[in-house]
């Protein structure tokens, strides 16, 4: 019998982690877009130290969020697949 996702503490934590991962992936993508916009501003107007700083903030921030979020996202999906395999008798 499958566990109830609203009462099983592991499934509740996994669902919360999946929501956090989703937010971090979106925010990381936005930061990469931010860096891209600043890169093209610098390309068209010349790179000042401020523009380079904006690009670097976007790249570092996006990388810091996306790296762990991607890994944790795969972990959550693997755990879901494992639970589905166990509940179907495989």
C-alpha atoms as a PDB file:
ATOM      1  CA  UNK A   1       0.000   0.000   0.000  1.00  0.00           C
ATOM      2  CA  UNK A   2       1.533   3.367  -1.017  1.00  0.00           C
ATOM      3  CA  UNK A   3       2.286   5.903   1.676  1.00  0.00           C
ATOM      4  CA  UNK A   4       0.049   8.931   2.017  1.00  0.00           C
ATOM      5  CA  UNK A   5       2.052  11.937   0.727  1.00  0.00           C
ATOM      6  CA  UNK A   6       0.310  14.290   3.155  1.00  0.00           C
ATOM      7  CA  UNK A   7       1.220  12.348   6.304  1.00  0.00           C
ATOM      8  CA  UNK A   8       4.451  10.483   5.500  1.00  0.00           C
ATOM      9  CA  UNK A   9       7.236  12.723   6.897  1.00  0.00           C
ATOM     10  CA  UNK A  10       9.744  11.598   4.247  1.00  0.00           C
ATOM     11  CA  UNK A  11       7.368  12.443   1.399  1.00  0.00           C
ATOM     12  CA  UNK A  12       6.530  15.786   3.011  1.00  0.00           C
ATOM     13  CA  UNK A  13      10.246  16.654   3.241  1.00  0.00           C
ATOM     14  CA  UNK A  14      10.822  15.480  -0.317  1.00  0.00           C
ATOM     15  CA  UNK A  15       7.959  17.636  -1.605  1.00  0.00           C
ATOM     16  CA  UNK A  16       9.330  20.652   0.275  1.00  0.00           C
ATOM     17  CA  UNK A  17      12.800  20.013  -1.156  1.00  0.00           C
ATOM     18  CA  UNK A  18      11.306  19.718  -4.655  1.00  0.00           C
ATOM     19  CA  UNK A  19       9.662  23.148  -4.234  1.00  0.00           C
ATOM     20  CA  UNK A  20      12.937  24.682  -3.003  1.00  0.00           C
ATOM     21  CA  UNK A  21      14.805  23.111  -5.931  1.00  0.00           C
ATOM     22  CA  UNK A  22      12.267  24.536  -8.374  1.00  0.00           C
ATOM     23  CA  UNK A  23      12.610  28.043  -6.942  1.00  0.00           C
ATOM     24  CA  UNK A  24      16.419  27.853  -6.956  1.00  0.00           C
ATOM     25  CA  UNK A  25      16.473  26.635 -10.558  1.00  0.00           C
ATOM     26  CA  UNK A  26      14.251  29.497 -11.671  1.00  0.00           C
ATOM     27  CA  UNK A  27      16.197  32.082  -9.704  1.00  0.00           C
ATOM     28  CA  UNK A  28      19.480  30.709 -11.045  1.00  0.00           C
ATOM     29  CA  UNK A  29      18.165  30.963 -14.599  1.00  0.00           C
ATOM     30  CA  UNK A  30      17.075  34.545 -13.954  1.00  0.00           C
ATOM     31  CA  UNK A  31      20.559  35.372 -12.673  1.00  0.00           C
ATOM     32  CA  UNK A  32      22.112  33.924 -15.841  1.00  0.00           C
ATOM     33  CA  UNK A  33      19.708  36.044 -17.898  1.00  0.00           C
ATOM     34  CA  UNK A  34      20.740  39.054 -15.783  1.00  0.00           C
ATOM     35  CA  UNK A  35      24.409  38.310 -16.536  1.00  0.00           C
ATOM     36  CA  UNK A  36      23.657  37.927 -20.241  1.00  0.00           C
ATOM     37  CA  UNK A  37      21.855  41.258 -20.404  1.00  0.00           C
ATOM     38  CA  UNK A  38      24.761  43.014 -18.677  1.00  0.00           C
ATOM     39  CA  UNK A  39      27.223  41.240 -20.964  1.00  0.00           C
ATOM     40  CA  UNK A  40      25.483  42.598 -24.051  1.00  0.00           C
ATOM     41  CA  UNK A  41      25.215  46.059 -22.493  1.00  0.00           C
ATOM     42  CA  UNK A  42      28.965  45.942 -21.984  1.00  0.00           C
ATOM     43  CA  UNK A  43      29.483  44.675 -25.509  1.00  0.00           C
ATOM     44  CA  UNK A  44      27.542  47.586 -26.964  1.00  0.00           C
ATOM     45  CA  UNK A  45      28.739  50.370 -24.640  1.00  0.00           C
ATOM     46  CA  UNK A  46      32.140  49.198 -23.490  1.00  0.00           C
ATOM     47  CA  UNK A  47      32.995  47.253 -20.376  1.00  0.00           C
ATOM     48  CA  UNK A  48      33.327  49.332 -17.250  1.00  0.00           C
ATOM     49  CA  UNK A  49      34.168  47.878 -13.860  1.00  0.00           C
ATOM     50  CA  UNK A  50      30.495  48.207 -12.868  1.00  0.00           C
ATOM     51  CA  UNK A  51      29.276  46.249 -15.889  1.00  0.00           C
ATOM     52  CA  UNK A  52      31.872  43.530 -15.347  1.00  0.00           C
ATOM     53  CA  UNK A  53      30.815  43.323 -11.695  1.00  0.00           C
ATOM     54  CA  UNK A  54      27.159  42.932 -12.722  1.00  0.00           C
ATOM     55  CA  UNK A  55      28.071  40.129 -15.132  1.00  0.00           C
ATOM     56  CA  UNK A  56      30.135  38.363 -12.482  1.00  0.00           C
ATOM     57  CA  UNK A  57      27.403  38.674  -9.848  1.00  0.00           C
ATOM     58  CA  UNK A  58      24.933  37.078 -12.240  1.00  0.00           C
ATOM     59  CA  UNK A  59      27.295  34.274 -13.225  1.00  0.00           C
ATOM     60  CA  UNK A  60      28.460  33.447  -9.706  1.00  0.00           C
ATOM     61  CA  UNK A  61      24.992  33.747  -8.204  1.00  0.00           C
ATOM     62  CA  UNK A  62      23.415  31.637 -10.927  1.00  0.00           C
ATOM     63  CA  UNK A  63      26.106  28.990 -10.602  1.00  0.00           C
ATOM     64  CA  UNK A  64      25.829  28.904  -6.817  1.00  0.00           C
ATOM     65  CA  UNK A  65      22.076  28.308  -7.060  1.00  0.00           C
ATOM     66  CA  UNK A  66      21.858  26.092 -10.126  1.00  0.00           C
ATOM     67  CA  UNK A  67      24.637  23.627  -9.313  1.00  0.00           C
ATOM     68  CA  UNK A  68      23.191  22.292  -6.064  1.00  0.00           C
ATOM     69  CA  UNK A  69      19.609  22.654  -7.327  1.00  0.00           C
ATOM     70  CA  UNK A  70      20.274  20.454 -10.351  1.00  0.00           C
ATOM     71  CA  UNK A  71      21.931  17.765  -8.228  1.00  0.00           C
ATOM     72  CA  UNK A  72      19.178  17.825  -5.611  1.00  0.00           C
ATOM     73  CA  UNK A  73      16.537  17.800  -8.348  1.00  0.00           C
ATOM     74  CA  UNK A  74      17.998  14.587  -9.734  1.00  0.00           C
ATOM     75  CA  UNK A  75      18.103  13.132  -6.222  1.00  0.00           C
ATOM     76  CA  UNK A  76      14.419  13.897  -5.640  1.00  0.00           C
ATOM     77  CA  UNK A  77      13.450  12.385  -9.002  1.00  0.00           C
ATOM     78  CA  UNK A  78      15.542   9.280  -8.311  1.00  0.00           C
ATOM     79  CA  UNK A  79      13.900   8.845  -4.902  1.00  0.00           C
ATOM     80  CA  UNK A  80      10.461   9.176  -6.506  1.00  0.00           C
ATOM     81  CA  UNK A  81      11.386   6.569  -9.130  1.00  0.00           C
ATOM     82  CA  UNK A  82      12.730   4.260  -6.423  1.00  0.00           C
ATOM     83  CA  UNK A  83       9.520   4.581  -4.416  1.00  0.00           C
ATOM     84  CA  UNK A  84       7.425   3.922  -7.525  1.00  0.00           C
ATOM     85  CA  UNK A  85       9.500   0.822  -8.286  1.00  0.00           C
ATOM     86  CA  UNK A  86       9.171  -0.492  -4.750  1.00  0.00           C
ATOM     87  CA  UNK A  87       5.431   0.084  -4.586  1.00  0.00           C
ATOM     88  CA  UNK A  88       4.819  -1.751  -7.883  1.00  0.00           C
ATOM     89  CA  UNK A  89       6.694  -4.829  -6.677  1.00  0.00           C
ATOM     90  CA  UNK A  90       9.834  -4.560  -8.868  1.00  0.00           C
END
